[in-house]
Amino acid sequence: MSAPTPSTPRPGDVLHDRRTGRTGILMDVIGGRYYLRPLHGGIEWTTRPEYTGPPPSPSSGPPSPYRRAQASPNWPSTPSATTTPARRTSSSS
């Protein structure tokens, strides 16, 4: 078996799957297919080596789906009386 070259990804390397547009961590190589897992955990997916490359730089491409969403100005900061569940009273017979 030959030693991996610097361009050969190894488990733990971050790769970008150009076919799906997703970036993930290389978990394993089985049968010539790469098994990638999302950066923040999740279900693995498989791809072929020719579809992968280095991850895009943070300044290029669409925004990360893991970026925290901004609070909507229309979202109430405190619950209103209409959203508070009614309190049940116990009746003794």
C-alpha atoms as a PDB file:
ATOM      1  CA  MET A   1       0.000   0.000   0.000  1.00  0.00           C
ATOM      2  CA  SER A   2       1.396   3.419  -0.912  1.00  0.00           C
ATOM      3  CA  ALA A   3       1.697   6.292   1.509  1.00  0.00           C
ATOM      4  CA  PRO A   4      -0.925   9.017   1.101  1.00  0.00           C
ATOM      5  CA  THR A   5       0.200  12.033  -0.903  1.00  0.00           C
ATOM      6  CA  PRO A   6      -0.410  15.538   0.460  1.00  0.00           C
ATOM      7  CA  SER A   7      -3.430  15.846  -1.863  1.00  0.00           C
ATOM      8  CA  THR A   8      -5.023  12.604  -0.625  1.00  0.00           C
ATOM      9  CA  PRO A   9      -7.591  13.430   2.052  1.00  0.00           C
ATOM     10  CA  ARG A  10      -7.514  11.440   5.276  1.00  0.00           C
ATOM     11  CA  PRO A  11     -10.258  10.830   7.851  1.00  0.00           C
ATOM     12  CA  GLY A  12     -10.762  14.016   9.838  1.00  0.00           C
ATOM     13  CA  ASP A  13     -10.092  16.321   6.877  1.00  0.00           C
ATOM     14  CA  VAL A  14     -12.768  18.861   5.924  1.00  0.00           C
ATOM     15  CA  LEU A  15     -13.980  18.502   2.333  1.00  0.00           C
ATOM     16  CA  HIS A  16     -16.506  20.269   0.141  1.00  0.00           C
ATOM     17  CA  ASP A  17     -18.889  18.116  -1.918  1.00  0.00           C
ATOM     18  CA  ARG A  18     -19.456  20.129  -5.115  1.00  0.00           C
ATOM     19  CA  ARG A  19     -22.283  17.799  -6.185  1.00  0.00           C
ATOM     20  CA  THR A  20     -24.448  18.649  -3.161  1.00  0.00           C
ATOM     21  CA  GLY A  21     -22.884  21.973  -2.150  1.00  0.00           C
ATOM     22  CA  ARG A  22     -22.294  20.664   1.375  1.00  0.00           C
ATOM     23  CA  THR A  23     -19.116  20.723   3.451  1.00  0.00           C
ATOM     24  CA  GLY A  24     -18.308  17.900   5.824  1.00  0.00           C
ATOM     25  CA  ILE A  25     -15.675  15.927   7.686  1.00  0.00           C
ATOM     26  CA  LEU A  26     -14.275  12.851   5.968  1.00  0.00           C
ATOM     27  CA  MET A  27     -15.138   9.924   8.215  1.00  0.00           C
ATOM     28  CA  ASP A  28     -13.981   6.984   6.075  1.00  0.00           C
ATOM     29  CA  VAL A  29     -13.247   5.757   2.569  1.00  0.00           C
ATOM     30  CA  ILE A  30     -14.977   2.479   1.667  1.00  0.00           C
ATOM     31  CA  GLY A  31     -15.075   1.008  -1.817  1.00  0.00           C
ATOM     32  CA  GLY A  32     -13.660   4.180  -3.312  1.00  0.00           C
ATOM     33  CA  ARG A  33     -16.471   6.337  -1.898  1.00  0.00           C
ATOM     34  CA  TYR A  34     -16.030   9.083   0.682  1.00  0.00           C
ATOM     35  CA  TYR A  35     -18.251   9.090   3.757  1.00  0.00           C
ATOM     36  CA  LEU A  36     -18.744  12.664   4.935  1.00  0.00           C
ATOM     37  CA  ARG A  37     -20.511  13.917   8.055  1.00  0.00           C
ATOM     38  CA  PRO A  38     -21.815  17.510   8.436  1.00  0.00           C
ATOM     39  CA  LEU A  39     -19.474  19.834  10.332  1.00  0.00           C
ATOM     40  CA  HIS A  40     -21.818  20.162  13.306  1.00  0.00           C
ATOM     41  CA  GLY A  41     -22.960  16.548  13.380  1.00  0.00           C
ATOM     42  CA  GLY A  42     -25.704  14.757  11.579  1.00  0.00           C
ATOM     43  CA  ILE A  43     -26.216  11.915   9.158  1.00  0.00           C
ATOM     44  CA  GLU A  44     -23.342  10.878   6.912  1.00  0.00           C
ATOM     45  CA  TRP A  45     -23.617  10.992   3.158  1.00  0.00           C
ATOM     46  CA  THR A  46     -21.470   9.396   0.485  1.00  0.00           C
ATOM     47  CA  THR A  47     -19.821  10.969  -2.500  1.00  0.00           C
ATOM     48  CA  ARG A  48     -17.181  10.168  -5.068  1.00  0.00           C
ATOM     49  CA  PRO A  49     -13.672  11.596  -4.722  1.00  0.00           C
ATOM     50  CA  GLU A  50     -13.938  13.499  -8.029  1.00  0.00           C
ATOM     51  CA  TYR A  51     -16.815  15.571  -6.593  1.00  0.00           C
ATOM     52  CA  THR A  52     -14.815  16.749  -3.576  1.00  0.00           C
ATOM     53  CA  GLY A  53     -12.318  19.499  -3.011  1.00  0.00           C
ATOM     54  CA  PRO A  54     -11.109  21.882  -0.332  1.00  0.00           C
ATOM     55  CA  PRO A  55     -13.777  23.773   1.570  1.00  0.00           C
ATOM     56  CA  PRO A  56     -14.682  27.215   0.229  1.00  0.00           C
ATOM     57  CA  SER A  57     -13.310  30.205   2.074  1.00  0.00           C
ATOM     58  CA  PRO A  58     -15.759  31.750   4.569  1.00  0.00           C
ATOM     59  CA  SER A  59     -15.986  34.946   2.512  1.00  0.00           C
ATOM     60  CA  SER A  60     -17.121  33.145  -0.653  1.00  0.00           C
ATOM     61  CA  GLY A  61     -20.296  31.290  -1.424  1.00  0.00           C
ATOM     62  CA  PRO A  62     -23.659  31.349   0.288  1.00  0.00           C
ATOM     63  CA  PRO A  63     -23.903  32.082   4.009  1.00  0.00           C
ATOM     64  CA  SER A  64     -23.422  29.181   6.373  1.00  0.00           C
ATOM     65  CA  PRO A  65     -26.630  27.406   7.413  1.00  0.00           C
ATOM     66  CA  TYR A  66     -25.099  27.213  10.893  1.00  0.00           C
ATOM     67  CA  ARG A  67     -25.016  30.982  11.368  1.00  0.00           C
ATOM     68  CA  ARG A  68     -27.314  32.093  14.169  1.00  0.00           C
ATOM     69  CA  ALA A  69     -30.551  33.560  12.866  1.00  0.00           C
ATOM     70  CA  GLN A  70     -31.293  37.193  13.597  1.00  0.00           C
ATOM     71  CA  ALA A  71     -34.243  37.889  15.872  1.00  0.00           C
ATOM     72  CA  SER A  72     -37.263  39.130  14.001  1.00  0.00           C
ATOM     73  CA  PRO A  73     -38.442  42.608  15.055  1.00  0.00           C
ATOM     74  CA  ASN A  74     -42.025  41.291  14.963  1.00  0.00           C
ATOM     75  CA  TRP A  75     -41.308  38.448  17.372  1.00  0.00           C
ATOM     76  CA  PRO A  76     -42.446  39.306  20.921  1.00  0.00           C
ATOM     77  CA  SER A  77     -39.648  39.421  23.467  1.00  0.00           C
ATOM     78  CA  THR A  78     -41.936  38.328  26.296  1.00  0.00           C
ATOM     79  CA  PRO A  79     -44.959  36.049  26.120  1.00  0.00           C
ATOM     80  CA  SER A  80     -48.290  37.831  26.004  1.00  0.00           C
ATOM     81  CA  ALA A  81     -51.314  36.968  28.083  1.00  0.00           C
ATOM     82  CA  THR A  82     -52.941  35.316  25.082  1.00  0.00           C
ATOM     83  CA  THR A  83     -50.089  32.836  24.717  1.00  0.00           C
ATOM     84  CA  THR A  84     -49.913  31.900  28.390  1.00  0.00           C
ATOM     85  CA  PRO A  85     -51.797  28.657  29.085  1.00  0.00           C
ATOM     86  CA  ALA A  86     -54.767  28.927  31.381  1.00  0.00           C
ATOM     87  CA  ARG A  87     -54.211  27.712  34.914  1.00  0.00           C
ATOM     88  CA  ARG A  88     -56.325  24.745  35.916  1.00  0.00           C
ATOM     89  CA  THR A  89     -57.917  24.837  39.309  1.00  0.00           C
ATOM     90  CA  SER A  90     -58.568  21.677  41.197  1.00  0.00           C
ATOM     91  CA  SER A  91     -62.058  21.118  42.509  1.00  0.00           C
ATOM     92  CA  SER A  92     -62.644  18.856  45.445  1.00  0.00           C
ATOM     93  CA  SER A  93     -65.890  16.942  45.667  1.00  0.00           C
END
